[in-house]
Amino acid sequence: MSSAKPTLGYPSRTAAIAAFRAEGMETNAIAQRIGIAPSTVSALECSVRRFAPKSQRSDGVGRTVHLPIGLLQRLAPHARRRGLTRETLAWMIVDAVAESDLVDAVLDDAEELAS
């Protein structure tokens, strides 16, 4: 595996691709912006999914959750810094909160639930 190649202010081409994809860019536009072949864009995206830590992969079983576009837009800079899509970051946040049993702490609604 080769080392990361900083690209357009991102730590790697893969991070740049993930950020552009999260912004809704198509494969050909991403390839042109970075200066690589569209097939390279697809290959880098595929390798990220294949080698992602288990905590960043879906097991393929679940339900669709619709998130307001405003929420996704607020997540965009955080996702971009991590080289993730906004949707992946949202999934990771929900997973971390549920796994760590932090729902009550995050929502801070104990007084409302008590009444």
N, C-alpha and C. Protein backbone atom coordinates (compact mmCIF):
# COMPACT_ATOMS: atom_id res chain seq x y z
N MET A 1 0.85 -1.17 0.00
CA MET A 1 0.00 0.00 0.00
C MET A 1 0.90 1.24 0.00
N SER A 2 0.57 2.20 -0.82
CA SER A 2 1.39 3.41 -0.90
C SER A 2 1.00 4.39 0.20
N SER A 3 1.86 5.37 0.42
CA SER A 3 1.57 6.35 1.46
C SER A 3 0.55 7.37 0.95
N ALA A 4 -0.08 8.06 1.88
CA ALA A 4 -1.09 9.06 1.54
C ALA A 4 -0.48 10.20 0.75
N LYS A 5 -1.23 10.67 -0.24
CA LYS A 5 -0.79 11.78 -1.07
C LYS A 5 -1.69 12.99 -0.76
N PRO A 6 -1.17 13.96 -0.01
CA PRO A 6 -1.99 15.14 0.28
C PRO A 6 -2.55 15.73 -1.02
N THR A 7 -3.83 16.06 -0.98
CA THR A 7 -4.52 16.50 -2.19
C THR A 7 -5.48 17.63 -1.86
N LEU A 8 -5.29 18.77 -2.48
CA LEU A 8 -6.22 19.90 -2.38
C LEU A 8 -6.58 20.25 -0.93
N GLY A 9 -5.61 20.19 -0.05
CA GLY A 9 -5.83 20.54 1.34
C GLY A 9 -6.32 19.40 2.21
N TYR A 10 -6.51 18.23 1.64
CA TYR A 10 -6.92 17.04 2.39
C TYR A 10 -5.68 16.16 2.61
N PRO A 11 -5.69 15.33 3.64
CA PRO A 11 -4.51 14.52 3.94
C PRO A 11 -4.21 13.44 2.91
N SER A 12 -5.21 13.09 2.09
CA SER A 12 -5.01 12.06 1.07
C SER A 12 -6.00 12.25 -0.07
N ARG A 13 -5.74 11.54 -1.18
CA ARG A 13 -6.70 11.59 -2.28
C ARG A 13 -8.02 10.98 -1.83
N THR A 14 -7.95 9.93 -1.03
CA THR A 14 -9.16 9.27 -0.55
C THR A 14 -10.01 10.22 0.30
N ALA A 15 -9.36 10.98 1.16
CA ALA A 15 -10.09 11.94 1.99
C ALA A 15 -10.72 13.02 1.12
N ALA A 16 -10.01 13.45 0.10
CA ALA A 16 -10.56 14.46 -0.82
C ALA A 16 -11.78 13.89 -1.55
N ILE A 17 -11.66 12.66 -2.01
CA ILE A 17 -12.78 12.02 -2.71
C ILE A 17 -13.98 11.91 -1.79
N ALA A 18 -13.77 11.48 -0.56
CA ALA A 18 -14.89 11.35 0.39
C ALA A 18 -15.56 12.69 0.64
N ALA A 19 -14.76 13.74 0.77
CA ALA A 19 -15.33 15.07 1.02
C ALA A 19 -16.12 15.56 -0.18
N PHE A 20 -15.57 15.38 -1.38
CA PHE A 20 -16.28 15.82 -2.58
C PHE A 20 -17.56 15.01 -2.79
N ARG A 21 -17.49 13.72 -2.49
CA ARG A 21 -18.67 12.86 -2.63
C ARG A 21 -19.75 13.32 -1.65
N ALA A 22 -19.33 13.66 -0.43
CA ALA A 22 -20.28 14.14 0.58
C ALA A 22 -20.96 15.43 0.16
N GLU A 23 -20.27 16.20 -0.69
CA GLU A 23 -20.86 17.44 -1.21
C GLU A 23 -21.76 17.17 -2.40
N GLY A 24 -21.83 15.90 -2.83
CA GLY A 24 -22.72 15.53 -3.93
C GLY A 24 -22.07 15.52 -5.30
N MET A 25 -20.75 15.61 -5.36
CA MET A 25 -20.06 15.62 -6.66
C MET A 25 -20.10 14.23 -7.29
N GLU A 26 -20.21 14.20 -8.59
CA GLU A 26 -20.20 12.95 -9.35
C GLU A 26 -18.76 12.48 -9.57
N THR A 27 -18.61 11.22 -9.90
CA THR A 27 -17.30 10.61 -10.08
C THR A 27 -16.44 11.36 -11.10
N ASN A 28 -16.99 11.68 -12.25
CA ASN A 28 -16.21 12.37 -13.30
C ASN A 28 -15.74 13.75 -12.83
N ALA A 29 -16.60 14.46 -12.11
CA ALA A 29 -16.23 15.79 -11.61
C ALA A 29 -15.13 15.68 -10.57
N ILE A 30 -15.22 14.67 -9.70
CA ILE A 30 -14.18 14.46 -8.69
C ILE A 30 -12.86 14.15 -9.37
N ALA A 31 -12.90 13.25 -10.34
CA ALA A 31 -11.69 12.86 -11.06
C ALA A 31 -11.03 14.06 -11.72
N GLN A 32 -11.83 14.89 -12.36
CA GLN A 32 -11.30 16.08 -13.03
C GLN A 32 -10.70 17.06 -12.02
N ARG A 33 -11.38 17.25 -10.91
CA ARG A 33 -10.91 18.19 -9.89
C ARG A 33 -9.56 17.76 -9.30
N ILE A 34 -9.41 16.45 -9.06
CA ILE A 34 -8.19 15.93 -8.46
C ILE A 34 -7.10 15.70 -9.50
N GLY A 35 -7.54 15.42 -10.73
CA GLY A 35 -6.57 15.14 -11.79
C GLY A 35 -6.22 13.66 -11.90
N ILE A 36 -7.20 12.80 -11.64
CA ILE A 36 -7.00 11.36 -11.76
C ILE A 36 -8.11 10.78 -12.62
N ALA A 37 -7.97 9.53 -13.00
CA ALA A 37 -8.99 8.86 -13.82
C ALA A 37 -10.22 8.54 -12.97
N PRO A 38 -11.41 8.57 -13.60
CA PRO A 38 -12.62 8.20 -12.87
C PRO A 38 -12.52 6.80 -12.26
N SER A 39 -11.83 5.88 -12.94
CA SER A 39 -11.69 4.53 -12.40
C SER A 39 -10.86 4.54 -11.12
N THR A 40 -9.94 5.48 -11.00
CA THR A 40 -9.13 5.59 -9.77
C THR A 40 -10.00 6.09 -8.62
N VAL A 41 -10.90 7.02 -8.91
CA VAL A 41 -11.85 7.49 -7.90
C VAL A 41 -12.65 6.32 -7.36
N SER A 42 -13.20 5.52 -8.26
CA SER A 42 -14.00 4.37 -7.85
C SER A 42 -13.18 3.36 -7.06
N ALA A 43 -11.94 3.11 -7.50
CA ALA A 43 -11.08 2.14 -6.82
C ALA A 43 -10.74 2.61 -5.41
N LEU A 44 -10.45 3.89 -5.25
CA LEU A 44 -10.12 4.41 -3.92
C LEU A 44 -11.33 4.32 -2.99
N GLU A 45 -12.51 4.63 -3.50
CA GLU A 45 -13.73 4.52 -2.68
C GLU A 45 -13.97 3.07 -2.27
N CYS A 46 -13.76 2.16 -3.19
CA CYS A 46 -13.97 0.74 -2.91
C CYS A 46 -12.99 0.24 -1.86
N SER A 47 -11.74 0.65 -1.96
CA SER A 47 -10.74 0.17 -1.00
C SER A 47 -11.02 0.71 0.40
N VAL A 48 -11.56 1.91 0.49
CA VAL A 48 -11.91 2.48 1.79
C VAL A 48 -12.98 1.63 2.45
N ARG A 49 -14.00 1.26 1.69
CA ARG A 49 -15.08 0.43 2.25
C ARG A 49 -14.56 -0.94 2.67
N ARG A 50 -13.70 -1.51 1.84
CA ARG A 50 -13.20 -2.86 2.11
C ARG A 50 -12.32 -2.91 3.35
N PHE A 51 -11.48 -1.88 3.57
CA PHE A 51 -10.53 -1.90 4.67
C PHE A 51 -10.94 -1.05 5.86
N ALA A 52 -12.15 -0.50 5.82
CA ALA A 52 -12.62 0.34 6.93
C ALA A 52 -12.73 -0.51 8.20
N PRO A 53 -12.41 0.11 9.35
CA PRO A 53 -12.60 -0.62 10.60
C PRO A 53 -14.06 -1.04 10.74
N LYS A 54 -14.30 -2.12 11.46
CA LYS A 54 -15.66 -2.63 11.61
C LYS A 54 -16.61 -1.57 12.13
N SER A 55 -16.11 -0.68 12.99
CA SER A 55 -16.97 0.35 13.57
C SER A 55 -17.46 1.34 12.53
N GLN A 56 -16.83 1.35 11.34
CA GLN A 56 -17.24 2.30 10.31
C GLN A 56 -18.03 1.62 9.20
N ARG A 57 -18.30 0.32 9.34
CA ARG A 57 -19.03 -0.41 8.31
C ARG A 57 -20.40 -0.80 8.82
N SER A 58 -21.34 -0.76 7.93
CA SER A 58 -22.68 -1.25 8.26
C SER A 58 -22.71 -2.74 8.01
N ASP A 59 -23.48 -3.47 8.78
CA ASP A 59 -23.59 -4.90 8.54
C ASP A 59 -24.60 -5.19 7.44
N GLY A 60 -25.16 -4.14 6.85
CA GLY A 60 -26.07 -4.31 5.74
C GLY A 60 -27.52 -4.55 6.16
N VAL A 61 -27.78 -4.67 7.44
CA VAL A 61 -29.12 -4.91 7.93
C VAL A 61 -29.55 -3.67 8.70
N GLY A 62 -30.69 -3.15 8.36
CA GLY A 62 -31.15 -1.98 9.08
C GLY A 62 -32.32 -1.33 8.39
N ARG A 63 -32.64 -0.16 8.84
CA ARG A 63 -33.74 0.61 8.29
C ARG A 63 -33.20 1.96 7.84
N THR A 64 -33.87 2.51 6.89
CA THR A 64 -33.50 3.83 6.41
C THR A 64 -34.00 4.89 7.37
N VAL A 65 -33.13 5.85 7.67
CA VAL A 65 -33.50 6.98 8.50
C VAL A 65 -33.27 8.23 7.67
N HIS A 66 -34.28 9.06 7.56
CA HIS A 66 -34.15 10.30 6.80
C HIS A 66 -33.73 11.41 7.74
N LEU A 67 -32.65 12.09 7.40
CA LEU A 67 -32.15 13.20 8.21
C LEU A 67 -32.39 14.50 7.46
N PRO A 68 -32.78 15.53 8.17
CA PRO A 68 -32.99 16.83 7.52
C PRO A 68 -31.69 17.32 6.89
N ILE A 69 -31.80 17.95 5.74
CA ILE A 69 -30.62 18.43 5.02
C ILE A 69 -29.83 19.43 5.87
N GLY A 70 -30.52 20.22 6.67
CA GLY A 70 -29.82 21.18 7.54
C GLY A 70 -28.90 20.48 8.53
N LEU A 71 -29.36 19.35 9.07
CA LEU A 71 -28.53 18.57 9.98
C LEU A 71 -27.30 18.03 9.24
N LEU A 72 -27.51 17.49 8.06
CA LEU A 72 -26.38 16.97 7.28
C LEU A 72 -25.40 18.08 6.92
N GLN A 73 -25.91 19.26 6.63
CA GLN A 73 -25.01 20.38 6.32
C GLN A 73 -24.18 20.78 7.52
N ARG A 74 -24.77 20.72 8.72
CA ARG A 74 -23.99 21.04 9.93
C ARG A 74 -22.93 19.99 10.22
N LEU A 75 -23.16 18.76 9.78
CA LEU A 75 -22.18 17.69 9.97
C LEU A 75 -21.06 17.74 8.92
N ALA A 76 -21.29 18.43 7.81
CA ALA A 76 -20.35 18.41 6.69
C ALA A 76 -18.90 18.75 7.06
N PRO A 77 -18.63 19.84 7.78
CA PRO A 77 -17.22 20.14 8.07
C PRO A 77 -16.56 19.08 8.94
N HIS A 78 -17.33 18.48 9.84
CA HIS A 78 -16.79 17.44 10.71
C HIS A 78 -16.50 16.17 9.91
N ALA A 79 -17.40 15.86 8.99
CA ALA A 79 -17.20 14.68 8.13
C ALA A 79 -16.01 14.90 7.20
N ARG A 80 -15.91 16.09 6.65
CA ARG A 80 -14.82 16.42 5.72
C ARG A 80 -13.46 16.25 6.40
N ARG A 81 -13.34 16.73 7.64
CA ARG A 81 -12.07 16.60 8.37
C ARG A 81 -11.69 15.15 8.59
N ARG A 82 -12.68 14.28 8.65
CA ARG A 82 -12.42 12.86 8.91
C ARG A 82 -12.38 12.04 7.63
N GLY A 83 -12.63 12.68 6.50
CA GLY A 83 -12.64 11.96 5.23
C GLY A 83 -13.82 11.01 5.10
N LEU A 84 -14.95 11.40 5.70
CA LEU A 84 -16.15 10.57 5.69
C LEU A 84 -17.28 11.31 4.99
N THR A 85 -18.32 10.57 4.63
CA THR A 85 -19.54 11.22 4.18
C THR A 85 -20.31 11.70 5.40
N ARG A 86 -21.20 12.63 5.19
CA ARG A 86 -22.02 13.13 6.30
C ARG A 86 -22.87 12.02 6.87
N GLU A 87 -23.39 11.16 5.99
CA GLU A 87 -24.25 10.06 6.42
C GLU A 87 -23.48 9.05 7.27
N THR A 88 -22.24 8.76 6.86
CA THR A 88 -21.42 7.83 7.63
C THR A 88 -21.11 8.40 9.00
N LEU A 89 -20.79 9.69 9.05
CA LEU A 89 -20.52 10.33 10.33
C LEU A 89 -21.75 10.27 11.23
N ALA A 90 -22.93 10.56 10.67
CA ALA A 90 -24.17 10.51 11.46
C ALA A 90 -24.38 9.10 12.01
N TRP A 91 -24.15 8.09 11.19
CA TRP A 91 -24.29 6.70 11.63
C TRP A 91 -23.30 6.40 12.75
N MET A 92 -22.07 6.84 12.61
CA MET A 92 -21.05 6.60 13.63
C MET A 92 -21.40 7.27 14.95
N ILE A 93 -21.96 8.48 14.88
CA ILE A 93 -22.35 9.20 16.10
C ILE A 93 -23.47 8.45 16.81
N VAL A 94 -24.49 8.07 16.07
CA VAL A 94 -25.61 7.34 16.68
C VAL A 94 -25.12 6.01 17.26
N ASP A 95 -24.26 5.31 16.52
CA ASP A 95 -23.72 4.05 16.99
C ASP A 95 -22.92 4.23 18.28
N ALA A 96 -22.08 5.26 18.33
CA ALA A 96 -21.25 5.50 19.51
C ALA A 96 -22.11 5.86 20.72
N VAL A 97 -23.12 6.68 20.51
CA VAL A 97 -24.01 7.08 21.62
C VAL A 97 -24.77 5.86 22.14
N ALA A 98 -25.31 5.06 21.24
CA ALA A 98 -26.07 3.88 21.66
C ALA A 98 -25.16 2.84 22.31
N GLU A 99 -24.01 2.58 21.71
CA GLU A 99 -23.07 1.58 22.23
C GLU A 99 -22.55 1.95 23.62
N SER A 100 -22.35 3.23 23.86
CA SER A 100 -21.82 3.69 25.15
C SER A 100 -22.91 4.03 26.15
N ASP A 101 -24.17 3.76 25.78
CA ASP A 101 -25.32 4.02 26.65
C ASP A 101 -25.34 5.49 27.11
N LEU A 102 -25.15 6.38 26.14
CA LEU A 102 -25.09 7.82 26.45
C LEU A 102 -26.33 8.59 26.01
N VAL A 103 -27.38 7.89 25.60
CA VAL A 103 -28.56 8.60 25.10
C VAL A 103 -29.09 9.59 26.13
N ASP A 104 -29.26 9.15 27.37
CA ASP A 104 -29.79 10.04 28.41
C ASP A 104 -28.87 11.23 28.65
N ALA A 105 -27.57 10.98 28.64
CA ALA A 105 -26.61 12.07 28.86
C ALA A 105 -26.62 13.06 27.71
N VAL A 106 -26.72 12.58 26.50
CA VAL A 106 -26.71 13.47 25.33
C VAL A 106 -27.99 14.29 25.27
N LEU A 107 -29.12 13.66 25.51
CA LEU A 107 -30.39 14.38 25.42
C LEU A 107 -30.66 15.24 26.65
N ASP A 108 -30.11 14.87 27.79
CA ASP A 108 -30.26 15.65 29.01
C ASP A 108 -31.72 16.01 29.29
N ASP A 109 -32.59 14.99 29.21
CA ASP A 109 -34.02 15.22 29.40
C ASP A 109 -34.59 14.45 30.59
N ALA A 110 -33.75 14.15 31.57
CA ALA A 110 -34.17 13.36 32.72
C ALA A 110 -35.35 14.00 33.48
N GLU A 111 -35.33 15.31 33.62
CA GLU A 111 -36.41 15.98 34.34
C GLU A 111 -37.74 15.83 33.62
N GLU A 112 -37.72 15.92 32.31
CA GLU A 112 -38.95 15.76 31.53
C GLU A 112 -39.47 14.33 31.63
N LEU A 113 -38.58 13.36 31.62
CA LEU A 113 -39.00 11.96 31.69
C LEU A 113 -39.56 11.62 33.06
N ALA A 114 -39.08 12.26 34.11
CA ALA A 114 -39.52 12.00 35.47
C ALA A 114 -40.94 12.51 35.72
N SER A 115 -41.36 13.52 34.99
CA SER A 115 -42.69 14.11 35.24
C SER A 115 -43.79 13.44 34.48
